[in-house]
């Protein structure tokens, strides 16, 4: 399995967030990482990011959903 990005979006003009799925020792991992634009014009991963077993995807989605609810509540009160 390759480590191709499945989703990405810009953080700023020199960096972007990249999402990928990779395999390591016969296990699947999700990877969310910051990429930088190199002098060669290509995007390269930094050490800034997180990798987690694909088995935790459901809990990660719940956590992101809870963050979204909290932000929505705070924005409504502002």
N, C-alpha and C. Protein backbone atom coordinates (compact mmCIF):
# COMPACT_ATOMS: atom_id res chain seq x y z
N UNK A 1 0.86 -1.18 0.00
CA UNK A 1 0.00 0.00 0.00
C UNK A 1 0.90 1.23 0.00
N UNK A 2 0.57 2.20 -0.82
CA UNK A 2 1.35 3.43 -0.87
C UNK A 2 0.93 4.38 0.24
N UNK A 3 1.68 5.44 0.38
CA UNK A 3 1.38 6.44 1.40
C UNK A 3 0.88 7.71 0.73
N UNK A 4 0.06 7.56 -0.32
CA UNK A 4 -0.46 8.71 -1.05
C UNK A 4 -1.47 9.47 -0.20
N UNK A 5 -1.46 10.78 -0.36
CA UNK A 5 -2.42 11.61 0.35
C UNK A 5 -3.82 11.36 -0.19
N UNK A 6 -4.77 11.18 0.72
CA UNK A 6 -6.16 10.98 0.32
C UNK A 6 -6.96 12.27 0.46
N UNK A 7 -6.42 13.21 1.25
CA UNK A 7 -7.07 14.52 1.41
C UNK A 7 -6.03 15.50 1.89
N UNK A 8 -6.15 16.72 1.44
CA UNK A 8 -5.25 17.78 1.91
C UNK A 8 -5.91 19.13 1.74
N UNK A 9 -5.48 20.07 2.57
CA UNK A 9 -5.97 21.44 2.44
C UNK A 9 -4.90 22.38 2.97
N UNK A 10 -4.87 23.61 2.46
CA UNK A 10 -3.79 24.54 2.82
C UNK A 10 -3.90 25.04 4.26
N UNK A 11 -2.75 25.13 4.91
CA UNK A 11 -2.63 25.77 6.21
C UNK A 11 -2.23 27.22 5.99
N UNK A 12 -1.31 27.44 5.08
CA UNK A 12 -0.86 28.75 4.63
C UNK A 12 -0.20 28.56 3.28
N UNK A 13 0.47 29.57 2.75
CA UNK A 13 1.01 29.42 1.39
C UNK A 13 2.21 28.47 1.32
N UNK A 14 2.82 28.16 2.45
CA UNK A 14 4.00 27.29 2.45
C UNK A 14 3.75 25.92 3.07
N UNK A 15 2.57 25.74 3.69
CA UNK A 15 2.27 24.47 4.36
C UNK A 15 0.85 24.02 4.08
N UNK A 16 0.64 22.72 4.20
CA UNK A 16 -0.70 22.17 4.07
C UNK A 16 -0.85 20.98 5.01
N UNK A 17 -2.10 20.68 5.36
CA UNK A 17 -2.41 19.50 6.14
C UNK A 17 -2.63 18.36 5.16
N UNK A 18 -2.04 17.21 5.43
CA UNK A 18 -2.20 16.05 4.57
C UNK A 18 -2.70 14.85 5.35
N UNK A 19 -3.62 14.11 4.77
CA UNK A 19 -4.22 12.92 5.38
C UNK A 19 -3.89 11.72 4.50
N UNK A 20 -3.41 10.65 5.12
CA UNK A 20 -3.10 9.45 4.35
C UNK A 20 -3.34 8.21 5.19
N UNK A 21 -3.39 7.07 4.51
CA UNK A 21 -3.48 5.76 5.15
C UNK A 21 -2.24 5.01 4.72
N UNK A 22 -1.58 4.38 5.68
CA UNK A 22 -0.37 3.62 5.34
C UNK A 22 -0.38 2.29 6.07
N UNK A 23 0.45 1.40 5.59
CA UNK A 23 0.58 0.09 6.20
C UNK A 23 1.97 -0.04 6.78
N UNK A 24 2.05 -0.58 8.01
CA UNK A 24 3.33 -0.80 8.66
C UNK A 24 3.23 -2.10 9.45
N UNK A 25 4.11 -3.03 9.17
CA UNK A 25 4.09 -4.34 9.84
C UNK A 25 2.71 -4.98 9.79
N UNK A 26 2.13 -4.97 8.60
CA UNK A 26 0.83 -5.59 8.32
C UNK A 26 -0.34 -4.97 9.09
N UNK A 27 -0.18 -3.72 9.55
CA UNK A 27 -1.28 -3.02 10.23
C UNK A 27 -1.53 -1.70 9.51
N UNK A 28 -2.79 -1.27 9.49
CA UNK A 28 -3.14 0.00 8.84
C UNK A 28 -3.09 1.14 9.85
N UNK A 29 -2.56 2.26 9.40
CA UNK A 29 -2.46 3.46 10.22
C UNK A 29 -3.00 4.65 9.45
N UNK A 30 -3.61 5.57 10.18
CA UNK A 30 -4.05 6.85 9.64
C UNK A 30 -2.99 7.87 10.02
N UNK A 31 -2.69 8.76 9.10
CA UNK A 31 -1.63 9.73 9.31
C UNK A 31 -2.17 11.12 8.96
N UNK A 32 -2.06 12.04 9.90
CA UNK A 32 -2.43 13.44 9.66
C UNK A 32 -1.17 14.24 9.94
N UNK A 33 -0.68 14.92 8.94
CA UNK A 33 0.64 15.52 9.03
C UNK A 33 0.67 16.87 8.32
N UNK A 34 1.57 17.72 8.74
CA UNK A 34 1.80 18.97 8.03
C UNK A 34 2.88 18.73 6.98
N UNK A 35 2.63 19.22 5.79
CA UNK A 35 3.57 19.12 4.68
C UNK A 35 4.07 20.51 4.34
N UNK A 36 5.32 20.60 3.87
CA UNK A 36 5.86 21.88 3.45
C UNK A 36 6.23 21.81 1.97
N UNK A 37 6.21 22.96 1.34
CA UNK A 37 6.56 23.03 -0.08
C UNK A 37 8.07 23.19 -0.18
N UNK A 38 8.72 22.22 -0.80
CA UNK A 38 10.17 22.22 -0.93
C UNK A 38 10.65 23.07 -2.09
N UNK A 39 11.96 23.26 -2.14
CA UNK A 39 12.56 24.06 -3.23
C UNK A 39 12.37 23.38 -4.58
N UNK A 40 12.07 22.08 -4.57
CA UNK A 40 11.80 21.36 -5.81
C UNK A 40 10.35 21.53 -6.27
N UNK A 41 9.54 22.26 -5.47
CA UNK A 41 8.14 22.50 -5.82
C UNK A 41 7.20 21.42 -5.32
N UNK A 42 7.75 20.34 -4.78
CA UNK A 42 6.92 19.25 -4.27
C UNK A 42 6.59 19.42 -2.80
N UNK A 43 5.59 18.70 -2.36
CA UNK A 43 5.18 18.72 -0.96
C UNK A 43 5.84 17.58 -0.21
N UNK A 44 6.41 17.89 0.97
CA UNK A 44 7.16 16.93 1.76
C UNK A 44 6.65 16.92 3.20
N UNK A 45 6.54 15.72 3.81
CA UNK A 45 6.02 15.64 5.18
C UNK A 45 7.01 16.18 6.21
N UNK A 46 6.47 16.77 7.26
CA UNK A 46 7.28 17.20 8.39
C UNK A 46 7.09 16.17 9.50
N UNK A 47 7.75 16.37 10.62
CA UNK A 47 7.55 15.50 11.77
C UNK A 47 6.32 15.93 12.57
N UNK A 48 5.75 17.07 12.22
CA UNK A 48 4.58 17.58 12.93
C UNK A 48 3.34 16.84 12.44
N UNK A 49 2.73 16.10 13.32
CA UNK A 49 1.54 15.36 12.94
C UNK A 49 1.29 14.22 13.90
N UNK A 50 0.36 13.39 13.51
CA UNK A 50 -0.02 12.25 14.36
C UNK A 50 -0.35 11.06 13.48
N UNK A 51 0.05 9.89 13.95
CA UNK A 51 -0.33 8.62 13.32
C UNK A 51 -1.05 7.79 14.37
N UNK A 52 -2.08 7.08 13.93
CA UNK A 52 -2.80 6.22 14.86
C UNK A 52 -3.34 5.01 14.12
N UNK A 53 -3.52 3.93 14.86
CA UNK A 53 -4.05 2.71 14.29
C UNK A 53 -5.44 2.98 13.71
N UNK A 54 -5.71 2.40 12.55
CA UNK A 54 -7.00 2.60 11.88
C UNK A 54 -8.16 2.18 12.79
N UNK A 55 -7.90 1.30 13.75
CA UNK A 55 -8.94 0.87 14.67
C UNK A 55 -9.47 1.99 15.56
N UNK A 56 -8.71 3.08 15.67
CA UNK A 56 -9.13 4.21 16.48
C UNK A 56 -9.92 5.26 15.68
N UNK A 57 -10.18 5.00 14.41
CA UNK A 57 -10.84 6.01 13.57
C UNK A 57 -12.19 6.42 14.12
N UNK A 58 -12.97 5.50 14.60
CA UNK A 58 -14.30 5.83 15.15
C UNK A 58 -14.19 6.80 16.32
N UNK A 59 -13.26 6.55 17.23
CA UNK A 59 -13.07 7.43 18.38
C UNK A 59 -12.52 8.79 17.94
N UNK A 60 -11.64 8.80 16.95
CA UNK A 60 -11.11 10.08 16.46
C UNK A 60 -12.24 10.92 15.85
N UNK A 61 -13.14 10.28 15.11
CA UNK A 61 -14.27 11.00 14.53
C UNK A 61 -15.17 11.58 15.62
N UNK A 62 -15.39 10.80 16.69
CA UNK A 62 -16.19 11.30 17.81
C UNK A 62 -15.51 12.51 18.45
N UNK A 63 -14.20 12.44 18.62
CA UNK A 63 -13.47 13.55 19.21
C UNK A 63 -13.55 14.82 18.38
N UNK A 64 -13.40 14.67 17.06
CA UNK A 64 -13.50 15.83 16.17
C UNK A 64 -14.91 16.40 16.20
N UNK A 65 -15.92 15.52 16.27
CA UNK A 65 -17.30 15.97 16.37
C UNK A 65 -17.53 16.77 17.65
N UNK A 66 -16.96 16.31 18.76
CA UNK A 66 -17.10 17.03 20.04
C UNK A 66 -16.41 18.39 19.98
N UNK A 67 -15.26 18.46 19.33
CA UNK A 67 -14.58 19.75 19.16
C UNK A 67 -15.46 20.69 18.35
N UNK A 68 -16.07 20.19 17.27
CA UNK A 68 -16.94 21.01 16.43
C UNK A 68 -18.12 21.55 17.23
N UNK A 69 -18.71 20.70 18.08
CA UNK A 69 -19.83 21.15 18.92
C UNK A 69 -19.38 22.25 19.87
N UNK A 70 -18.21 22.07 20.49
CA UNK A 70 -17.69 23.06 21.42
C UNK A 70 -17.44 24.39 20.72
N UNK A 71 -16.84 24.34 19.55
CA UNK A 71 -16.59 25.57 18.79
C UNK A 71 -17.89 26.26 18.41
N UNK A 72 -18.87 25.47 18.01
CA UNK A 72 -20.17 26.03 17.63
C UNK A 72 -20.82 26.73 18.82
N UNK A 73 -20.74 26.12 20.00
CA UNK A 73 -21.30 26.71 21.21
C UNK A 73 -20.57 28.00 21.56
N UNK A 74 -19.26 28.00 21.47
CA UNK A 74 -18.48 29.19 21.81
C UNK A 74 -18.72 30.32 20.81
N UNK A 75 -18.83 29.96 19.53
CA UNK A 75 -19.07 30.98 18.50
C UNK A 75 -20.47 31.59 18.65
N UNK A 76 -21.44 30.78 19.05
CA UNK A 76 -22.81 31.27 19.23
C UNK A 76 -22.88 32.24 20.40
N UNK A 77 -22.04 32.02 21.42
CA UNK A 77 -22.05 32.87 22.59
C UNK A 77 -21.20 34.14 22.45
N UNK A 78 -20.41 34.18 21.38
CA UNK A 78 -19.51 35.33 21.20
C UNK A 78 -20.21 36.55 20.66
